Amino acid sequence: MLTVGDRLPSFELQAVTRLDAPSPDQAFETLSDQSYAGKWLVLFAWPKDFTFVCPTEIAAFGKLNEEFADRDAQILGFSTDSEFVHRAWRMHQEELRDLPFPMLADLKRELASALGILHKQEGVCLRATFIVDPEGIIRHVSVYDLSVGRNVQEVLRTLDALQTDELCPCNWQKGQDTLQAA
């Protein structure tokens, strides 16, 4: 699995970017690792669409999207489902209809494989989160078991801490003092 200090692998994937498109094919867009050049990326993966834990996490990222945007960060979510499955799920699942960030389709498992986050038995993405700085360097990685949802507030707190470029103590929150090396 890629870790802190590694470069985000190059990717080019289809994504669901809008549900209000005049035709279904206009709901999709090709996005790459360069689509948001110069921004922080919060890239998170979930195991499967139309499941139980996944929509709770995705909706939580959606609710905090403006908080991430205020920090010059772009959220990108993905699984190994197709863009058509993503679109159908968003249309079917109330809390995902107005999702403000793209859902990437890693159907060939290229990104998940490059990141090293495929579950060995199930062949689906683990619940992984990567925070990538504007230079494309991974600065944070967290991975959860298939049955446990992540804490999106903690992802935001971690982004805040990374953006200080200073020493942040345990449980540090934005606006608090950072540590000074003696």
N, C-alpha and C. Protein backbone atom coordinates (compact mmCIF):
# COMPACT_ATOMS: atom_id res chain seq x y z
N MET A 1 0.84 -1.18 0.00
CA MET A 1 0.00 0.00 0.00
C MET A 1 0.89 1.24 0.00
N LEU A 2 0.49 2.24 -0.79
CA LEU A 2 1.21 3.51 -0.78
C LEU A 2 1.01 4.17 0.58
N THR A 3 1.99 4.99 0.95
CA THR A 3 1.94 5.61 2.27
C THR A 3 2.42 7.06 2.21
N VAL A 4 2.54 7.66 3.35
CA VAL A 4 2.96 9.05 3.48
C VAL A 4 4.32 9.22 2.81
N GLY A 5 4.42 10.25 1.97
CA GLY A 5 5.65 10.54 1.25
C GLY A 5 5.67 10.01 -0.17
N ASP A 6 4.78 9.05 -0.48
CA ASP A 6 4.69 8.53 -1.84
C ASP A 6 3.92 9.51 -2.72
N ARG A 7 4.14 9.42 -4.01
CA ARG A 7 3.41 10.25 -4.97
C ARG A 7 2.10 9.57 -5.33
N LEU A 8 1.05 10.36 -5.44
CA LEU A 8 -0.23 9.85 -5.91
C LEU A 8 -0.05 9.31 -7.32
N PRO A 9 -0.50 8.07 -7.58
CA PRO A 9 -0.35 7.54 -8.94
C PRO A 9 -1.21 8.31 -9.95
N SER A 10 -0.76 8.33 -11.18
CA SER A 10 -1.55 8.93 -12.24
C SER A 10 -2.80 8.08 -12.46
N PHE A 11 -3.90 8.75 -12.77
CA PHE A 11 -5.13 8.04 -13.09
C PHE A 11 -5.97 8.89 -14.02
N GLU A 12 -6.83 8.24 -14.77
CA GLU A 12 -7.82 8.89 -15.61
C GLU A 12 -9.06 8.00 -15.58
N LEU A 13 -10.12 8.48 -14.95
CA LEU A 13 -11.32 7.66 -14.72
C LEU A 13 -12.58 8.43 -15.06
N GLN A 14 -13.62 7.69 -15.42
CA GLN A 14 -14.93 8.29 -15.61
C GLN A 14 -15.52 8.60 -14.24
N ALA A 15 -16.27 9.69 -14.17
CA ALA A 15 -16.86 10.09 -12.90
C ALA A 15 -18.28 10.59 -13.12
N VAL A 16 -19.11 10.38 -12.14
CA VAL A 16 -20.43 11.01 -12.11
C VAL A 16 -20.21 12.37 -11.47
N THR A 17 -20.52 13.42 -12.21
CA THR A 17 -20.30 14.77 -11.69
C THR A 17 -21.60 15.54 -11.49
N ARG A 18 -22.70 15.08 -12.13
CA ARG A 18 -23.98 15.79 -11.94
C ARG A 18 -25.14 14.89 -12.32
N LEU A 19 -26.22 15.07 -11.59
CA LEU A 19 -27.44 14.31 -11.89
C LEU A 19 -28.45 15.14 -12.66
N ASP A 20 -28.27 16.45 -12.68
CA ASP A 20 -29.24 17.34 -13.33
C ASP A 20 -28.95 17.55 -14.82
N ALA A 21 -28.09 16.72 -15.39
CA ALA A 21 -27.75 16.85 -16.81
C ALA A 21 -28.97 16.57 -17.68
N PRO A 22 -29.07 17.25 -18.84
CA PRO A 22 -30.20 17.04 -19.75
C PRO A 22 -30.34 15.60 -20.24
N SER A 23 -29.22 14.89 -20.35
CA SER A 23 -29.27 13.48 -20.75
C SER A 23 -28.31 12.70 -19.86
N PRO A 24 -28.56 11.41 -19.66
CA PRO A 24 -27.72 10.61 -18.76
C PRO A 24 -26.24 10.64 -19.11
N ASP A 25 -25.90 10.63 -20.40
CA ASP A 25 -24.48 10.61 -20.77
C ASP A 25 -23.76 11.90 -20.40
N GLN A 26 -24.50 12.99 -20.20
CA GLN A 26 -23.90 14.26 -19.80
C GLN A 26 -23.66 14.34 -18.30
N ALA A 27 -24.01 13.28 -17.59
CA ALA A 27 -23.77 13.22 -16.15
C ALA A 27 -22.33 12.81 -15.84
N PHE A 28 -21.60 12.38 -16.89
CA PHE A 28 -20.26 11.83 -16.71
C PHE A 28 -19.18 12.77 -17.24
N GLU A 29 -18.00 12.63 -16.64
CA GLU A 29 -16.85 13.43 -17.05
C GLU A 29 -15.60 12.59 -16.78
N THR A 30 -14.60 12.72 -17.63
CA THR A 30 -13.33 12.06 -17.38
C THR A 30 -12.49 12.96 -16.49
N LEU A 31 -12.04 12.42 -15.37
CA LEU A 31 -11.20 13.16 -14.43
C LEU A 31 -9.89 12.43 -14.26
N SER A 32 -8.86 13.19 -13.94
CA SER A 32 -7.54 12.60 -13.74
C SER A 32 -6.90 13.17 -12.48
N ASP A 33 -5.72 12.66 -12.18
CA ASP A 33 -4.96 13.18 -11.04
C ASP A 33 -4.57 14.64 -11.27
N GLN A 34 -4.65 15.13 -12.50
CA GLN A 34 -4.31 16.52 -12.82
C GLN A 34 -5.52 17.44 -12.92
N SER A 35 -6.71 16.92 -12.76
CA SER A 35 -7.93 17.72 -12.92
C SER A 35 -8.03 18.85 -11.90
N TYR A 36 -7.43 18.68 -10.77
CA TYR A 36 -7.49 19.69 -9.71
C TYR A 36 -6.08 20.10 -9.30
N ALA A 37 -5.23 20.30 -10.29
CA ALA A 37 -3.83 20.66 -10.04
C ALA A 37 -3.75 21.89 -9.14
N GLY A 38 -2.82 21.85 -8.20
CA GLY A 38 -2.62 22.97 -7.29
C GLY A 38 -3.51 22.94 -6.06
N LYS A 39 -4.41 21.98 -5.98
CA LYS A 39 -5.30 21.85 -4.82
C LYS A 39 -4.88 20.66 -3.97
N TRP A 40 -5.29 20.68 -2.73
CA TRP A 40 -5.20 19.49 -1.89
C TRP A 40 -6.29 18.54 -2.38
N LEU A 41 -6.02 17.25 -2.34
CA LEU A 41 -7.03 16.24 -2.68
C LEU A 41 -7.32 15.40 -1.46
N VAL A 42 -8.59 15.13 -1.25
CA VAL A 42 -9.02 14.14 -0.26
C VAL A 42 -9.67 13.04 -1.08
N LEU A 43 -8.92 11.97 -1.24
CA LEU A 43 -9.34 10.84 -2.07
C LEU A 43 -9.76 9.71 -1.15
N PHE A 44 -11.03 9.31 -1.26
CA PHE A 44 -11.47 8.23 -0.38
C PHE A 44 -12.18 7.15 -1.18
N ALA A 45 -11.99 5.92 -0.73
CA ALA A 45 -12.55 4.75 -1.40
C ALA A 45 -13.52 4.02 -0.48
N TRP A 46 -14.53 3.42 -1.11
CA TRP A 46 -15.47 2.59 -0.37
C TRP A 46 -15.60 1.25 -1.11
N PRO A 47 -16.07 0.21 -0.41
CA PRO A 47 -16.12 -1.13 -1.03
C PRO A 47 -17.10 -1.28 -2.19
N LYS A 48 -18.37 -0.97 -1.99
CA LYS A 48 -19.37 -1.23 -3.03
C LYS A 48 -20.52 -0.24 -2.93
N ASP A 49 -21.09 0.08 -4.07
CA ASP A 49 -22.32 0.87 -4.11
C ASP A 49 -23.48 -0.02 -3.65
N PHE A 50 -24.58 0.62 -3.30
CA PHE A 50 -25.80 -0.07 -2.86
C PHE A 50 -25.55 -0.96 -1.65
N THR A 51 -24.75 -0.44 -0.70
CA THR A 51 -24.49 -1.17 0.53
C THR A 51 -24.96 -0.32 1.71
N PHE A 52 -24.54 -0.66 2.91
CA PHE A 52 -25.12 -0.05 4.10
C PHE A 52 -24.25 1.01 4.77
N VAL A 53 -22.98 0.72 5.00
CA VAL A 53 -22.09 1.67 5.66
C VAL A 53 -21.65 2.78 4.69
N CYS A 54 -21.41 2.40 3.45
CA CYS A 54 -20.86 3.33 2.45
C CYS A 54 -21.65 4.63 2.30
N PRO A 55 -22.97 4.58 2.17
CA PRO A 55 -23.67 5.86 1.96
C PRO A 55 -23.58 6.79 3.17
N THR A 56 -23.41 6.23 4.37
CA THR A 56 -23.28 7.10 5.55
C THR A 56 -21.99 7.91 5.46
N GLU A 57 -20.93 7.29 5.00
CA GLU A 57 -19.64 7.99 4.85
C GLU A 57 -19.69 9.01 3.72
N ILE A 58 -20.21 8.58 2.58
CA ILE A 58 -20.26 9.46 1.41
C ILE A 58 -21.10 10.69 1.71
N ALA A 59 -22.25 10.49 2.35
CA ALA A 59 -23.11 11.62 2.72
C ALA A 59 -22.40 12.53 3.71
N ALA A 60 -21.64 11.96 4.64
CA ALA A 60 -20.90 12.78 5.61
C ALA A 60 -19.86 13.65 4.92
N PHE A 61 -19.15 13.09 3.93
CA PHE A 61 -18.21 13.90 3.15
C PHE A 61 -18.97 15.01 2.41
N GLY A 62 -20.14 14.67 1.86
CA GLY A 62 -20.94 15.66 1.15
C GLY A 62 -21.36 16.82 2.04
N LYS A 63 -21.75 16.51 3.28
CA LYS A 63 -22.18 17.55 4.22
C LYS A 63 -21.04 18.49 4.59
N LEU A 64 -19.81 17.99 4.56
CA LEU A 64 -18.66 18.82 4.91
C LEU A 64 -17.89 19.33 3.69
N ASN A 65 -18.45 19.14 2.50
CA ASN A 65 -17.76 19.54 1.28
C ASN A 65 -17.32 21.00 1.30
N GLU A 66 -18.17 21.89 1.76
CA GLU A 66 -17.81 23.32 1.80
C GLU A 66 -16.65 23.57 2.75
N GLU A 67 -16.61 22.83 3.86
CA GLU A 67 -15.49 22.96 4.80
C GLU A 67 -14.18 22.58 4.11
N PHE A 68 -14.20 21.49 3.34
CA PHE A 68 -13.01 21.08 2.61
C PHE A 68 -12.67 22.12 1.52
N ALA A 69 -13.69 22.60 0.80
CA ALA A 69 -13.47 23.59 -0.25
C ALA A 69 -12.87 24.87 0.33
N ASP A 70 -13.30 25.26 1.53
CA ASP A 70 -12.74 26.45 2.19
C ASP A 70 -11.25 26.30 2.47
N ARG A 71 -10.79 25.06 2.48
CA ARG A 71 -9.37 24.77 2.74
C ARG A 71 -8.63 24.46 1.44
N ASP A 72 -9.24 24.81 0.32
CA ASP A 72 -8.67 24.59 -1.01
C ASP A 72 -8.42 23.10 -1.27
N ALA A 73 -9.36 22.27 -0.81
CA ALA A 73 -9.25 20.82 -1.00
C ALA A 73 -10.44 20.32 -1.81
N GLN A 74 -10.15 19.42 -2.72
CA GLN A 74 -11.18 18.77 -3.54
C GLN A 74 -11.38 17.35 -3.05
N ILE A 75 -12.62 17.00 -2.77
CA ILE A 75 -12.97 15.63 -2.40
C ILE A 75 -13.21 14.84 -3.67
N LEU A 76 -12.65 13.62 -3.72
CA LEU A 76 -12.90 12.67 -4.79
C LEU A 76 -13.17 11.32 -4.15
N GLY A 77 -14.36 10.77 -4.40
CA GLY A 77 -14.68 9.46 -3.88
C GLY A 77 -14.65 8.44 -4.99
N PHE A 78 -14.34 7.18 -4.64
CA PHE A 78 -14.34 6.15 -5.69
C PHE A 78 -14.55 4.75 -5.12
N SER A 79 -15.03 3.90 -6.01
CA SER A 79 -15.09 2.46 -5.76
C SER A 79 -14.84 1.77 -7.09
N THR A 80 -14.92 0.45 -7.08
CA THR A 80 -14.69 -0.31 -8.30
C THR A 80 -15.97 -0.51 -9.10
N ASP A 81 -17.04 0.16 -8.70
CA ASP A 81 -18.29 0.12 -9.48
C ASP A 81 -18.18 1.05 -10.68
N SER A 82 -19.02 0.83 -11.69
CA SER A 82 -19.00 1.67 -12.89
C SER A 82 -19.67 3.02 -12.64
N GLU A 83 -19.44 3.94 -13.56
CA GLU A 83 -20.09 5.25 -13.47
C GLU A 83 -21.61 5.12 -13.58
N PHE A 84 -22.08 4.11 -14.28
CA PHE A 84 -23.53 3.89 -14.43
C PHE A 84 -24.14 3.41 -13.12
N VAL A 85 -23.41 2.56 -12.42
CA VAL A 85 -23.87 2.10 -11.11
C VAL A 85 -23.85 3.26 -10.12
N HIS A 86 -22.78 4.07 -10.15
CA HIS A 86 -22.71 5.26 -9.28
C HIS A 86 -23.93 6.17 -9.52
N ARG A 87 -24.22 6.41 -10.78
CA ARG A 87 -25.35 7.30 -11.11
C ARG A 87 -26.67 6.72 -10.62
N ALA A 88 -26.88 5.43 -10.86
CA ALA A 88 -28.12 4.78 -10.41
C ALA A 88 -28.23 4.83 -8.89
N TRP A 89 -27.12 4.61 -8.20
CA TRP A 89 -27.15 4.65 -6.74
C TRP A 89 -27.48 6.05 -6.24
N ARG A 90 -26.86 7.06 -6.84
CA ARG A 90 -27.15 8.44 -6.43
C ARG A 90 -28.61 8.79 -6.67
N MET A 91 -29.18 8.30 -7.76
CA MET A 91 -30.58 8.59 -8.05
C MET A 91 -31.51 7.85 -7.08
N HIS A 92 -31.08 6.68 -6.64
CA HIS A 92 -31.89 5.82 -5.77
C HIS A 92 -31.76 6.20 -4.29
N GLN A 93 -30.59 6.66 -3.87
CA GLN A 93 -30.29 6.91 -2.46
C GLN A 93 -30.45 8.41 -2.16
N GLU A 94 -31.46 8.74 -1.40
CA GLU A 94 -31.82 10.14 -1.12
C GLU A 94 -30.63 10.99 -0.68
N GLU A 95 -29.83 10.51 0.29
CA GLU A 95 -28.74 11.33 0.82
C GLU A 95 -27.57 11.51 -0.15
N LEU A 96 -27.61 10.82 -1.30
CA LEU A 96 -26.53 10.95 -2.28
C LEU A 96 -26.94 11.76 -3.51
N ARG A 97 -28.20 12.11 -3.62
CA ARG A 97 -28.68 12.81 -4.83
C ARG A 97 -27.98 14.12 -5.11
N ASP A 98 -27.77 14.92 -4.08
CA ASP A 98 -27.17 16.24 -4.28
C ASP A 98 -25.69 16.26 -3.90
N LEU A 99 -25.04 15.15 -4.04
CA LEU A 99 -23.63 15.05 -3.67
C LEU A 99 -22.81 16.08 -4.44
N PRO A 100 -22.02 16.91 -3.74
CA PRO A 100 -21.31 18.00 -4.41
C PRO A 100 -19.91 17.67 -4.92
N PHE A 101 -19.52 16.41 -4.90
CA PHE A 101 -18.19 16.04 -5.40
C PHE A 101 -18.31 14.83 -6.32
N PRO A 102 -17.33 14.62 -7.18
CA PRO A 102 -17.38 13.52 -8.14
C PRO A 102 -17.24 12.14 -7.49
N MET A 103 -17.90 11.17 -8.11
CA MET A 103 -17.74 9.76 -7.75
C MET A 103 -17.02 9.10 -8.92
N LEU A 104 -15.78 8.69 -8.69
CA LEU A 104 -14.95 8.08 -9.73
C LEU A 104 -15.26 6.59 -9.85
N ALA A 105 -15.21 6.10 -11.07
CA ALA A 105 -15.46 4.69 -11.36
C ALA A 105 -14.13 4.01 -11.70
N ASP A 106 -13.66 3.19 -10.79
CA ASP A 106 -12.39 2.46 -10.98
C ASP A 106 -12.70 1.02 -11.36
N LEU A 107 -13.45 0.88 -12.43
CA LEU A 107 -13.96 -0.42 -12.87
C LEU A 107 -12.85 -1.44 -13.12
N LYS A 108 -11.73 -1.01 -13.68
CA LYS A 108 -10.62 -1.92 -13.96
C LYS A 108 -9.70 -2.11 -12.75
N ARG A 109 -10.03 -1.44 -11.65
CA ARG A 109 -9.27 -1.54 -10.40
C ARG A 109 -7.83 -1.00 -10.54
N GLU A 110 -7.64 -0.09 -11.48
CA GLU A 110 -6.30 0.45 -11.72
C GLU A 110 -5.84 1.36 -10.58
N LEU A 111 -6.69 2.29 -10.15
CA LEU A 111 -6.31 3.19 -9.08
C LEU A 111 -6.21 2.43 -7.76
N ALA A 112 -7.19 1.60 -7.47
CA ALA A 112 -7.18 0.84 -6.21
C ALA A 112 -5.94 -0.06 -6.14
N SER A 113 -5.57 -0.67 -7.26
CA SER A 113 -4.37 -1.52 -7.30
C SER A 113 -3.12 -0.69 -7.10
N ALA A 114 -3.03 0.44 -7.78
CA ALA A 114 -1.85 1.30 -7.66
C ALA A 114 -1.68 1.82 -6.24
N LEU A 115 -2.80 2.10 -5.57
CA LEU A 115 -2.75 2.56 -4.18
C LEU A 115 -2.51 1.41 -3.21
N GLY A 116 -2.81 0.18 -3.66
CA GLY A 116 -2.62 -0.99 -2.80
C GLY A 116 -3.74 -1.20 -1.80
N ILE A 117 -4.98 -0.85 -2.18
CA ILE A 117 -6.08 -0.91 -1.22
C ILE A 117 -7.17 -1.90 -1.58
N LEU A 118 -6.85 -2.88 -2.41
CA LEU A 118 -7.85 -3.90 -2.72
C LEU A 118 -7.88 -4.96 -1.62
N HIS A 119 -9.07 -5.28 -1.16
CA HIS A 119 -9.24 -6.33 -0.15
C HIS A 119 -8.81 -7.66 -0.77
N LYS A 120 -7.95 -8.40 -0.10
CA LYS A 120 -7.35 -9.61 -0.68
C LYS A 120 -8.37 -10.69 -1.02
N GLN A 121 -9.41 -10.85 -0.22
CA GLN A 121 -10.40 -11.89 -0.51
C GLN A 121 -11.56 -11.37 -1.36
N GLU A 122 -12.04 -10.17 -1.08
CA GLU A 122 -13.23 -9.65 -1.73
C GLU A 122 -12.95 -8.96 -3.07
N GLY A 123 -11.74 -8.46 -3.26
CA GLY A 123 -11.41 -7.79 -4.51
C GLY A 123 -12.03 -6.42 -4.67
N VAL A 124 -12.52 -5.84 -3.58
CA VAL A 124 -13.10 -4.49 -3.59
C VAL A 124 -12.19 -3.56 -2.78
N CYS A 125 -12.44 -2.28 -2.89
CA CYS A 125 -11.64 -1.31 -2.14
C CYS A 125 -11.86 -1.44 -0.64
N LEU A 126 -10.79 -1.30 0.09
CA LEU A 126 -10.91 -1.10 1.54
C LEU A 126 -11.39 0.33 1.75
N ARG A 127 -11.84 0.64 2.94
CA ARG A 127 -12.25 2.01 3.27
C ARG A 127 -11.01 2.85 3.53
N ALA A 128 -10.41 3.32 2.47
CA ALA A 128 -9.14 4.05 2.56
C ALA A 128 -9.35 5.53 2.29
N THR A 129 -8.58 6.35 2.98
CA THR A 129 -8.59 7.79 2.78
C THR A 129 -7.15 8.27 2.59
N PHE A 130 -6.93 9.07 1.57
CA PHE A 130 -5.63 9.66 1.28
C PHE A 130 -5.79 11.17 1.22
N ILE A 131 -4.95 11.88 1.95
CA ILE A 131 -4.87 13.33 1.80
C ILE A 131 -3.59 13.60 1.03
N VAL A 132 -3.74 14.30 -0.10
CA VAL A 132 -2.63 14.54 -1.02
C VAL A 132 -2.41 16.04 -1.13
N ASP A 133 -1.16 16.46 -0.98
CA ASP A 133 -0.87 17.90 -1.03
C ASP A 133 -0.87 18.41 -2.48
N PRO A 134 -0.81 19.72 -2.68
CA PRO A 134 -0.87 20.28 -4.03
C PRO A 134 0.25 19.84 -4.97
N GLU A 135 1.33 19.28 -4.43
CA GLU A 135 2.42 18.77 -5.27
C GLU A 135 2.24 17.30 -5.62
N GLY A 136 1.12 16.69 -5.18
CA GLY A 136 0.84 15.30 -5.50
C GLY A 136 1.46 14.29 -4.55
N ILE A 137 1.91 14.74 -3.39
CA ILE A 137 2.53 13.86 -2.40
C ILE A 137 1.49 13.48 -1.35
N ILE A 138 1.41 12.18 -1.06
CA ILE A 138 0.49 11.69 -0.04
C ILE A 138 1.00 12.12 1.32
N ARG A 139 0.13 12.77 2.08
CA ARG A 139 0.51 13.29 3.40
C ARG A 139 -0.22 12.58 4.54
N HIS A 140 -1.28 11.84 4.21
CA HIS A 140 -2.03 11.08 5.23
C HIS A 140 -2.68 9.89 4.56
N VAL A 141 -2.68 8.75 5.28
CA VAL A 141 -3.38 7.55 4.83
C VAL A 141 -4.07 6.94 6.03
N SER A 142 -5.31 6.54 5.85
CA SER A 142 -5.99 5.74 6.87
C SER A 142 -6.83 4.69 6.16
N VAL A 143 -6.89 3.52 6.74
CA VAL A 143 -7.61 2.40 6.14
C VAL A 143 -8.41 1.69 7.22
N TYR A 144 -9.67 1.41 6.92
CA TYR A 144 -10.55 0.73 7.85
C TYR A 144 -11.02 -0.59 7.25
N ASP A 145 -11.41 -1.49 8.12
CA ASP A 145 -12.02 -2.75 7.71
C ASP A 145 -13.31 -2.47 6.96
N LEU A 146 -13.77 -3.43 6.19
CA LEU A 146 -14.99 -3.25 5.39
C LEU A 146 -16.21 -2.88 6.24
N SER A 147 -16.27 -3.32 7.48
CA SER A 147 -17.47 -3.13 8.29
C SER A 147 -17.49 -1.85 9.13
N VAL A 148 -16.41 -1.06 9.10
CA VAL A 148 -16.30 0.11 9.98
C VAL A 148 -16.21 1.39 9.17
N GLY A 149 -17.11 2.32 9.43
CA GLY A 149 -17.08 3.62 8.75
C GLY A 149 -16.05 4.55 9.35
N ARG A 150 -15.53 5.44 8.52
CA ARG A 150 -14.51 6.39 8.98
C ARG A 150 -15.16 7.62 9.60
N ASN A 151 -14.35 8.45 10.24
CA ASN A 151 -14.78 9.69 10.87
C ASN A 151 -14.36 10.85 9.97
N VAL A 152 -15.31 11.44 9.27
CA VAL A 152 -15.01 12.51 8.30
C VAL A 152 -14.53 13.77 9.02
N GLN A 153 -15.02 14.03 10.22
CA GLN A 153 -14.52 15.18 11.00
C GLN A 153 -13.03 15.02 11.28
N GLU A 154 -12.58 13.79 11.51
CA GLU A 154 -11.15 13.55 11.75
C GLU A 154 -10.34 13.78 10.48
N VAL A 155 -10.88 13.45 9.34
CA VAL A 155 -10.19 13.72 8.07
C VAL A 155 -10.02 15.23 7.91
N LEU A 156 -11.06 15.99 8.21
CA LEU A 156 -10.98 17.46 8.13
C LEU A 156 -9.96 18.00 9.13
N ARG A 157 -9.97 17.48 10.36
CA ARG A 157 -9.01 17.91 11.37
C ARG A 157 -7.57 17.62 10.92
N THR A 158 -7.37 16.46 10.33
CA THR A 158 -6.04 16.08 9.85
C THR A 158 -5.59 17.02 8.73
N LEU A 159 -6.50 17.35 7.81
CA LEU A 159 -6.18 18.30 6.75
C LEU A 159 -5.78 19.64 7.36
N ASP A 160 -6.54 20.11 8.33
CA ASP A 160 -6.20 21.37 9.00
C ASP A 160 -4.79 21.32 9.59
N ALA A 161 -4.48 20.23 10.26
CA ALA A 161 -3.17 20.10 10.88
C ALA A 161 -2.06 20.08 9.82
N LEU A 162 -2.27 19.33 8.75
CA LEU A 162 -1.26 19.28 7.69
C LEU A 162 -1.04 20.65 7.06
N GLN A 163 -2.10 21.41 6.92
CA GLN A 163 -1.98 22.72 6.28
C GLN A 163 -1.28 23.75 7.15
N THR A 164 -1.13 23.50 8.45
CA THR A 164 -0.37 24.44 9.29
C THR A 164 1.11 24.36 8.98
N ASP A 165 1.55 23.18 8.52
CA ASP A 165 2.97 22.92 8.28
C ASP A 165 3.79 23.11 9.55
N GLU A 166 3.13 22.88 10.69
CA GLU A 166 3.78 23.00 11.99
C GLU A 166 3.54 21.73 12.79
N LEU A 167 4.10 21.67 13.99
CA LEU A 167 3.90 20.53 14.89
C LEU A 167 2.56 20.67 15.60
N CYS A 168 1.69 19.68 15.44
CA CYS A 168 0.36 19.73 16.05
C CYS A 168 0.23 18.62 17.08
N PRO A 169 -0.11 18.95 18.32
CA PRO A 169 -0.22 17.93 19.36
C PRO A 169 -1.46 17.06 19.18
N CYS A 170 -1.52 16.02 19.96
CA CYS A 170 -2.67 15.12 19.99
C CYS A 170 -3.95 15.91 20.19
N ASN A 171 -4.97 15.57 19.44
CA ASN A 171 -6.30 16.19 19.54
C ASN A 171 -6.32 17.68 19.19
N TRP A 172 -5.28 18.15 18.53
CA TRP A 172 -5.21 19.55 18.11
C TRP A 172 -6.42 19.87 17.23
N GLN A 173 -6.95 21.07 17.39
CA GLN A 173 -8.06 21.55 16.58
C GLN A 173 -7.65 22.89 15.94
N LYS A 174 -8.21 23.16 14.77
CA LYS A 174 -7.91 24.41 14.06
C LYS A 174 -8.14 25.60 14.99
N GLY A 175 -7.17 26.52 15.01
CA GLY A 175 -7.25 27.70 15.85
C GLY A 175 -6.48 27.56 17.14
N GLN A 176 -6.15 26.35 17.53
CA GLN A 176 -5.36 26.13 18.74
C GLN A 176 -3.90 26.36 18.44
N ASP A 177 -3.12 26.57 19.50
CA ASP A 177 -1.68 26.75 19.34
C ASP A 177 -1.03 25.46 18.85
N THR A 178 -0.02 25.61 18.04
CA THR A 178 0.80 24.48 17.63
C THR A 178 2.00 24.41 18.59
N LEU A 179 2.78 23.36 18.47
CA LEU A 179 3.94 23.18 19.33
C LEU A 179 5.15 23.89 18.77
N GLN A 180 5.97 24.38 19.65
CA GLN A 180 7.23 25.01 19.24
C GLN A 180 8.36 24.12 19.68
N ALA A 181 9.26 23.78 18.77
CA ALA A 181 10.43 22.96 19.11
C ALA A 181 11.36 23.79 19.98
N ALA A 182 11.84 23.17 21.05
CA ALA A 182 12.72 23.90 22.00
C ALA A 182 14.11 24.07 21.44
